[in-house]
Amino acid sequence: MIKGIKHIIFDLGGVILNIDYKLTEKAFIEAGITNFPELYSQLRQTDLFDKFEVGGMSAAEFVSELQKAAATPVTETQVLQAWNAMILDYPLRRLQVLQQLRLHYDLFLLSNTNEIHEATFNDVLMRDRSIPNIGVFFDRVYLSHRVGLRKPDPRIFKRVLDDSGLKPEDTLFIDDSPQHVAAAKELGIQTIFIEKGMTIEEDVFKQKG
């Protein structure tokens, strides 16, 4: 753990929430959108996904665009199920880490997401842990589709810092996308990159003994 930290900003998917992008890709291909790998990737997204992630289109418009892209007719339900297929679960130990950290640090959530996934990742939390909203673990939550900005745009990091009067040097940002970590570093924020196979409970905040 980096010393001198007062505030911690967490990414959601791949850091707190287990996700698997390949499951969504597989589900879309099976539903008939055979060119989905070209439409979506974690590191480089098309304008369609960018726009949806900053709240530039409604869920209905997003579903309609994906239906148009399908090689064969797909229903709204098929699109929603495929889009949500990547969302898995919240490991209990990970949530316990957040509860413990909040006793000592200001915690913030900063996620590139969208209105469909927001509803789903909160539903999963309620279903599995009887907790109504991921926001209960944080002092403030910043979701790209609500803020109108997305990582790695430096403006979204500045929004988080300015809203709560955080000093970059006192702030730690934890994310599993290298371009997001690089953008935070440019602003003087301390960072931890969660590489594949790493978890916050085993590799960053593991209990001694």
C-alpha atoms as a PDB file:
ATOM      1  CA  MET A   1       0.000   0.000   0.000  1.00  0.00           C
ATOM      2  CA  ILE A   2       1.321   3.441  -0.925  1.00  0.00           C
ATOM      3  CA  LYS A   3       1.981   5.636   2.109  1.00  0.00           C
ATOM      4  CA  GLY A   4       0.595   9.128   2.656  1.00  0.00           C
ATOM      5  CA  ILE A   5      -2.801   8.389   1.124  1.00  0.00           C
ATOM      6  CA  LYS A   6      -5.992   9.970   2.456  1.00  0.00           C
ATOM      7  CA  HIS A   7      -8.374   9.247  -0.413  1.00  0.00           C
ATOM      8  CA  ILE A   8      -8.839   6.220  -2.684  1.00  0.00           C
ATOM      9  CA  ILE A   9     -10.631   6.238  -6.047  1.00  0.00           C
ATOM     10  CA  PHE A  10     -11.704   2.797  -7.266  1.00  0.00           C
ATOM     11  CA  ASP A  11     -12.680   1.574 -10.689  1.00  0.00           C
ATOM     12  CA  LEU A  12     -15.624  -0.846 -10.613  1.00  0.00           C
ATOM     13  CA  GLY A  13     -15.467  -3.576 -13.275  1.00  0.00           C
ATOM     14  CA  GLY A  14     -12.392  -5.773 -12.947  1.00  0.00           C
ATOM     15  CA  VAL A  15     -11.455  -4.192  -9.622  1.00  0.00           C
ATOM     16  CA  ILE A  16     -14.502  -4.552  -7.353  1.00  0.00           C
ATOM     17  CA  LEU A  17     -17.016  -6.291  -9.613  1.00  0.00           C
ATOM     18  CA  ASN A  18     -15.962  -9.437 -11.452  1.00  0.00           C
ATOM     19  CA  ILE A  19     -16.601  -9.085 -15.181  1.00  0.00           C
ATOM     20  CA  ASP A  20     -15.820 -11.085 -18.315  1.00  0.00           C
ATOM     21  CA  TYR A  21     -16.033  -9.182 -21.598  1.00  0.00           C
ATOM     22  CA  LYS A  22     -15.704 -12.418 -23.545  1.00  0.00           C
ATOM     23  CA  LEU A  23     -19.072 -13.615 -22.233  1.00  0.00           C
ATOM     24  CA  THR A  24     -20.796 -10.582 -23.768  1.00  0.00           C
ATOM     25  CA  GLU A  25     -18.906 -11.070 -27.031  1.00  0.00           C
ATOM     26  CA  LYS A  26     -19.914 -14.744 -27.116  1.00  0.00           C
ATOM     27  CA  ALA A  27     -23.551 -13.936 -26.312  1.00  0.00           C
ATOM     28  CA  PHE A  28     -23.792 -11.323 -29.077  1.00  0.00           C
ATOM     29  CA  ILE A  29     -22.229 -13.631 -31.649  1.00  0.00           C
ATOM     30  CA  GLU A  30     -24.693 -16.356 -30.683  1.00  0.00           C
ATOM     31  CA  ALA A  31     -27.530 -13.816 -30.984  1.00  0.00           C
ATOM     32  CA  GLY A  32     -26.496 -12.972 -34.546  1.00  0.00           C
ATOM     33  CA  ILE A  33     -24.211  -9.956 -34.181  1.00  0.00           C
ATOM     34  CA  THR A  34     -21.263 -11.809 -35.675  1.00  0.00           C
ATOM     35  CA  ASN A  35     -19.151  -8.653 -36.080  1.00  0.00           C
ATOM     36  CA  PHE A  36     -19.372  -7.764 -32.388  1.00  0.00           C
ATOM     37  CA  PRO A  37     -15.607  -8.200 -31.793  1.00  0.00           C
ATOM     38  CA  GLU A  38     -15.117  -5.331 -34.252  1.00  0.00           C
ATOM     39  CA  LEU A  39     -17.747  -3.199 -32.509  1.00  0.00           C
ATOM     40  CA  TYR A  40     -16.494  -3.563 -29.004  1.00  0.00           C
ATOM     41  CA  SER A  41     -13.247  -4.038 -27.179  1.00  0.00           C
ATOM     42  CA  GLN A  42     -12.075  -3.017 -23.733  1.00  0.00           C
ATOM     43  CA  LEU A  43      -9.318  -0.701 -24.878  1.00  0.00           C
ATOM     44  CA  ARG A  44     -10.676   0.819 -28.064  1.00  0.00           C
ATOM     45  CA  GLN A  45     -14.400   1.337 -28.455  1.00  0.00           C
ATOM     46  CA  THR A  46     -16.479   2.577 -31.330  1.00  0.00           C
ATOM     47  CA  ASP A  47     -18.375   5.888 -31.188  1.00  0.00           C
ATOM     48  CA  LEU A  48     -21.570   3.969 -30.388  1.00  0.00           C
ATOM     49  CA  PHE A  49     -20.244   2.656 -27.083  1.00  0.00           C
ATOM     50  CA  ASP A  50     -18.447   5.900 -26.274  1.00  0.00           C
ATOM     51  CA  LYS A  51     -21.673   7.842 -26.748  1.00  0.00           C
ATOM     52  CA  PHE A  52     -23.677   5.437 -24.606  1.00  0.00           C
ATOM     53  CA  GLU A  53     -21.076   5.584 -21.836  1.00  0.00           C
ATOM     54  CA  VAL A  54     -21.328   9.370 -21.559  1.00  0.00           C
ATOM     55  CA  GLY A  55     -25.132   9.400 -21.569  1.00  0.00           C
ATOM     56  CA  GLY A  56     -25.329  10.620 -25.154  1.00  0.00           C
ATOM     57  CA  MET A  57     -28.054   8.159 -26.059  1.00  0.00           C
ATOM     58  CA  SER A  58     -30.818   6.327 -24.252  1.00  0.00           C
ATOM     59  CA  ALA A  59     -30.865   2.607 -23.543  1.00  0.00           C
ATOM     60  CA  ALA A  60     -33.617   2.208 -26.139  1.00  0.00           C
ATOM     61  CA  GLU A  61     -31.511   3.960 -28.785  1.00  0.00           C
ATOM     62  CA  PHE A  62     -28.493   1.836 -27.901  1.00  0.00           C
ATOM     63  CA  VAL A  63     -30.478  -1.387 -28.186  1.00  0.00           C
ATOM     64  CA  SER A  64     -31.907  -0.239 -31.508  1.00  0.00           C
ATOM     65  CA  GLU A  65     -28.424   0.462 -32.916  1.00  0.00           C
ATOM     66  CA  LEU A  66     -27.215  -2.993 -31.918  1.00  0.00           C
ATOM     67  CA  GLN A  67     -30.295  -4.555 -33.473  1.00  0.00           C
ATOM     68  CA  LYS A  68     -29.475  -2.764 -36.737  1.00  0.00           C
ATOM     69  CA  ALA A  69     -25.938  -4.145 -36.585  1.00  0.00           C
ATOM     70  CA  ALA A  70     -27.103  -7.733 -36.173  1.00  0.00           C
ATOM     71  CA  ALA A  71     -26.657 -10.121 -39.084  1.00  0.00           C
ATOM     72  CA  THR A  72     -29.982 -11.719 -38.162  1.00  0.00           C
ATOM     73  CA  PRO A  73     -33.019 -10.279 -36.321  1.00  0.00           C
ATOM     74  CA  VAL A  74     -32.532 -10.056 -32.532  1.00  0.00           C
ATOM     75  CA  THR A  75     -35.018  -9.043 -29.880  1.00  0.00           C
ATOM     76  CA  GLU A  76     -34.563  -6.323 -27.264  1.00  0.00           C
ATOM     77  CA  THR A  77     -34.376  -9.043 -24.614  1.00  0.00           C
ATOM     78  CA  GLN A  78     -31.580 -10.828 -26.480  1.00  0.00           C
ATOM     79  CA  VAL A  79     -29.588  -7.613 -26.746  1.00  0.00           C
ATOM     80  CA  LEU A  80     -30.026  -6.771 -23.050  1.00  0.00           C
ATOM     81  CA  GLN A  81     -29.124 -10.284 -21.922  1.00  0.00           C
ATOM     82  CA  ALA A  82     -26.030 -10.317 -24.112  1.00  0.00           C
ATOM     83  CA  TRP A  83     -24.936  -6.843 -23.030  1.00  0.00           C
ATOM     84  CA  ASN A  84     -25.272  -7.822 -19.369  1.00  0.00           C
ATOM     85  CA  ALA A  85     -23.583 -11.217 -19.771  1.00  0.00           C
ATOM     86  CA  MET A  86     -20.216  -9.723 -18.790  1.00  0.00           C
ATOM     87  CA  ILE A  87     -21.431  -8.787 -15.289  1.00  0.00           C
ATOM     88  CA  LEU A  88     -20.640 -11.568 -12.828  1.00  0.00           C
ATOM     89  CA  ASP A  89     -20.405 -11.085  -9.053  1.00  0.00           C
ATOM     90  CA  TYR A  90     -18.958  -9.207  -6.083  1.00  0.00           C
ATOM     91  CA  PRO A  91     -16.641 -11.402  -3.992  1.00  0.00           C
ATOM     92  CA  LEU A  92     -17.569 -11.021  -0.328  1.00  0.00           C
ATOM     93  CA  ARG A  93     -13.992 -10.451   0.812  1.00  0.00           C
ATOM     94  CA  ARG A  94     -13.692  -7.564  -1.656  1.00  0.00           C
ATOM     95  CA  LEU A  95     -16.726  -5.835  -0.200  1.00  0.00           C
ATOM     96  CA  GLN A  96     -15.380  -6.388   3.292  1.00  0.00           C
ATOM     97  CA  VAL A  97     -12.126  -4.700   2.232  1.00  0.00           C
ATOM     98  CA  LEU A  98     -14.123  -1.633   1.166  1.00  0.00           C
ATOM     99  CA  GLN A  99     -15.927  -1.539   4.509  1.00  0.00           C
ATOM    100  CA  GLN A 100     -12.617  -1.710   6.381  1.00  0.00           C
ATOM    101  CA  LEU A 101     -10.925   0.903   4.206  1.00  0.00           C
ATOM    102  CA  ARG A 102     -13.756   3.346   4.710  1.00  0.00           C
ATOM    103  CA  LEU A 103     -12.873   3.519   8.392  1.00  0.00           C
ATOM    104  CA  HIS A 104      -9.538   5.097   7.459  1.00  0.00           C
ATOM    105  CA  TYR A 105      -9.889   6.703   4.002  1.00  0.00           C
ATOM    106  CA  ASP A 106     -12.335   8.677   1.876  1.00  0.00           C
ATOM    107  CA  LEU A 107     -13.543   6.278  -0.819  1.00  0.00           C
ATOM    108  CA  PHE A 108     -14.751   7.173  -4.297  1.00  0.00           C
ATOM    109  CA  LEU A 109     -16.017   5.138  -7.230  1.00  0.00           C
ATOM    110  CA  LEU A 110     -15.147   6.198 -10.782  1.00  0.00           C
ATOM    111  CA  SER A 111     -16.482   3.937 -13.513  1.00  0.00           C
ATOM    112  CA  ASN A 112     -17.000   4.005 -17.261  1.00  0.00           C
ATOM    113  CA  THR A 113     -20.440   2.448 -17.473  1.00  0.00           C
ATOM    114  CA  ASN A 114     -23.971   2.976 -18.792  1.00  0.00           C
ATOM    115  CA  GLU A 115     -27.566   2.976 -17.595  1.00  0.00           C
ATOM    116  CA  ILE A 116     -28.193  -0.666 -18.502  1.00  0.00           C
ATOM    117  CA  HIS A 117     -25.167  -1.914 -16.599  1.00  0.00           C
ATOM    118  CA  GLU A 118     -25.833   0.380 -13.634  1.00  0.00           C
ATOM    119  CA  ALA A 119     -29.213  -1.232 -13.092  1.00  0.00           C
ATOM    120  CA  THR A 120     -27.729  -4.705 -13.491  1.00  0.00           C
ATOM    121  CA  PHE A 121     -24.684  -4.366 -11.227  1.00  0.00           C
ATOM    122  CA  ASN A 122     -26.929  -3.001  -8.480  1.00  0.00           C
ATOM    123  CA  ASP A 123     -29.423  -5.830  -9.035  1.00  0.00           C
ATOM    124  CA  VAL A 124     -26.601  -8.365  -8.697  1.00  0.00           C
ATOM    125  CA  LEU A 125     -25.481  -6.762  -5.437  1.00  0.00           C
ATOM    126  CA  MET A 126     -29.017  -6.895  -4.067  1.00  0.00           C
ATOM    127  CA  ARG A 127     -29.565 -10.469  -5.244  1.00  0.00           C
ATOM    128  CA  ASP A 128     -26.309 -11.862  -3.891  1.00  0.00           C
ATOM    129  CA  ARG A 129     -25.568  -9.660  -0.863  1.00  0.00           C
ATOM    130  CA  SER A 130     -28.882  -7.967   0.005  1.00  0.00           C
ATOM    131  CA  ILE A 131     -27.213  -4.579  -0.479  1.00  0.00           C
ATOM    132  CA  PRO A 132     -29.339  -2.200  -2.572  1.00  0.00           C
ATOM    133  CA  ASN A 133     -26.670  -0.051  -4.208  1.00  0.00           C
ATOM    134  CA  ILE A 134     -22.888  -0.062  -4.699  1.00  0.00           C
ATOM    135  CA  GLY A 135     -22.903   3.554  -3.529  1.00  0.00           C
ATOM    136  CA  VAL A 136     -23.250   2.484   0.117  1.00  0.00           C
ATOM    137  CA  PHE A 137     -19.527   1.656   0.141  1.00  0.00           C
ATOM    138  CA  PHE A 138     -18.380   5.087  -1.075  1.00  0.00           C
ATOM    139  CA  ASP A 139     -18.449   8.729  -0.094  1.00  0.00           C
ATOM    140  CA  ARG A 140     -19.223   9.682  -3.693  1.00  0.00           C
ATOM    141  CA  VAL A 141     -19.901   7.792  -6.915  1.00  0.00           C
ATOM    142  CA  TYR A 142     -18.985   9.022 -10.392  1.00  0.00           C
ATOM    143  CA  LEU A 143     -20.469   7.056 -13.281  1.00  0.00           C
ATOM    144  CA  SER A 144     -19.524   8.152 -16.794  1.00  0.00           C
ATOM    145  CA  HIS A 145     -23.056   8.171 -18.200  1.00  0.00           C
ATOM    146  CA  ARG A 146     -24.207  10.420 -15.344  1.00  0.00           C
ATOM    147  CA  VAL A 147     -21.196  12.743 -15.380  1.00  0.00           C
ATOM    148  CA  GLY A 148     -21.063  13.042 -19.186  1.00  0.00           C
ATOM    149  CA  LEU A 149     -17.345  12.235 -19.245  1.00  0.00           C
ATOM    150  CA  ARG A 150     -15.396   8.998 -19.344  1.00  0.00           C
ATOM    151  CA  LYS A 151     -11.898   7.830 -18.518  1.00  0.00           C
ATOM    152  CA  PRO A 152      -9.197   8.466 -19.662  1.00  0.00           C
ATOM    153  CA  ASP A 153     -10.417  12.041 -20.243  1.00  0.00           C
ATOM    154  CA  PRO A 154      -8.500  14.069 -17.612  1.00  0.00           C
ATOM    155  CA  ARG A 155     -11.604  16.189 -16.995  1.00  0.00           C
ATOM    156  CA  ILE A 156     -13.369  13.352 -15.202  1.00  0.00           C
ATOM    157  CA  PHE A 157     -10.431  12.936 -12.807  1.00  0.00           C
ATOM    158  CA  LYS A 158     -10.377  16.685 -12.210  1.00  0.00           C
ATOM    159  CA  ARG A 159     -14.113  16.558 -11.482  1.00  0.00           C
ATOM    160  CA  VAL A 160     -13.563  13.993  -8.754  1.00  0.00           C
ATOM    161  CA  LEU A 161     -10.656  15.941  -7.256  1.00  0.00           C
ATOM    162  CA  ASP A 162     -12.395  19.317  -7.389  1.00  0.00           C
ATOM    163  CA  ASP A 163     -15.767  18.130  -6.075  1.00  0.00           C
ATOM    164  CA  SER A 164     -14.279  17.006  -2.785  1.00  0.00           C
ATOM    165  CA  GLY A 165     -11.198  19.215  -2.609  1.00  0.00           C
ATOM    166  CA  LEU A 166      -8.775  16.314  -2.947  1.00  0.00           C
ATOM    167  CA  LYS A 167      -5.059  16.856  -3.478  1.00  0.00           C
ATOM    168  CA  PRO A 168      -3.678  14.543  -6.192  1.00  0.00           C
ATOM    169  CA  GLU A 169      -0.638  13.601  -4.112  1.00  0.00           C
ATOM    170  CA  ASP A 170      -2.928  12.455  -1.263  1.00  0.00           C
ATOM    171  CA  THR A 171      -5.086  10.406  -3.611  1.00  0.00           C
ATOM    172  CA  LEU A 172      -4.721   6.822  -4.863  1.00  0.00           C
ATOM    173  CA  PHE A 173      -6.445   5.607  -8.032  1.00  0.00           C
ATOM    174  CA  ILE A 174      -6.908   1.865  -8.649  1.00  0.00           C
ATOM    175  CA  ASP A 175      -7.911   0.634 -12.113  1.00  0.00           C
ATOM    176  CA  ASP A 176      -7.375  -2.334 -14.429  1.00  0.00           C
ATOM    177  CA  SER A 177      -6.976  -0.321 -17.666  1.00  0.00           C
ATOM    178  CA  PRO A 178      -3.461   1.016 -18.323  1.00  0.00           C
ATOM    179  CA  GLN A 179      -4.649   4.069 -20.258  1.00  0.00           C
ATOM    180  CA  HIS A 180      -6.808   5.159 -17.310  1.00  0.00           C
ATOM    181  CA  VAL A 181      -3.931   4.736 -14.869  1.00  0.00           C
ATOM    182  CA  ALA A 182      -1.654   6.737 -17.186  1.00  0.00           C
ATOM    183  CA  ALA A 183      -4.163   9.606 -17.357  1.00  0.00           C
ATOM    184  CA  ALA A 184      -4.432   9.758 -13.563  1.00  0.00           C
ATOM    185  CA  LYS A 185      -0.641   9.758 -13.207  1.00  0.00           C
ATOM    186  CA  GLU A 186      -0.409  12.754 -15.521  1.00  0.00           C
ATOM    187  CA  LEU A 187      -2.445  14.714 -12.973  1.00  0.00           C
ATOM    188  CA  GLY A 188      -0.137  13.739 -10.109  1.00  0.00           C
ATOM    189  CA  ILE A 189      -2.486  11.113  -8.650  1.00  0.00           C
ATOM    190  CA  GLN A 190      -0.814   8.044  -7.176  1.00  0.00           C
ATOM    191  CA  THR A 191      -1.911   4.870  -8.932  1.00  0.00           C
ATOM    192  CA  ILE A 192      -2.062   1.099  -8.770  1.00  0.00           C
ATOM    193  CA  PHE A 193      -2.628  -0.866 -11.970  1.00  0.00           C
ATOM    194  CA  ILE A 194      -4.556  -4.087 -11.402  1.00  0.00           C
ATOM    195  CA  GLU A 195      -2.969  -6.461 -13.875  1.00  0.00           C
ATOM    196  CA  LYS A 196      -4.660  -9.644 -15.070  1.00  0.00           C
ATOM    197  CA  GLY A 197      -4.766 -12.150 -12.228  1.00  0.00           C
ATOM    198  CA  MET A 198      -4.431  -9.516  -9.502  1.00  0.00           C
ATOM    199  CA  THR A 199      -7.143  -8.682  -6.964  1.00  0.00           C
ATOM    200  CA  ILE A 200      -7.366  -5.892  -4.422  1.00  0.00           C
ATOM    201  CA  GLU A 201      -8.008  -8.343  -1.584  1.00  0.00           C
ATOM    202  CA  GLU A 202      -4.981 -10.549  -2.326  1.00  0.00           C
ATOM    203  CA  ASP A 203      -2.460  -8.187  -3.916  1.00  0.00           C
ATOM    204  CA  VAL A 204      -3.162  -4.679  -2.599  1.00  0.00           C
ATOM    205  CA  PHE A 205      -4.974  -4.823   0.754  1.00  0.00           C
ATOM    206  CA  LYS A 206      -4.248  -8.354   1.941  1.00  0.00           C
ATOM    207  CA  GLN A 207      -4.555  -8.739   5.696  1.00  0.00           C
ATOM    208  CA  LYS A 208      -1.355  -9.472   7.562  1.00  0.00           C
ATOM    209  CA  GLY A 209      -1.271 -12.881   9.163  1.00  0.00           C
END
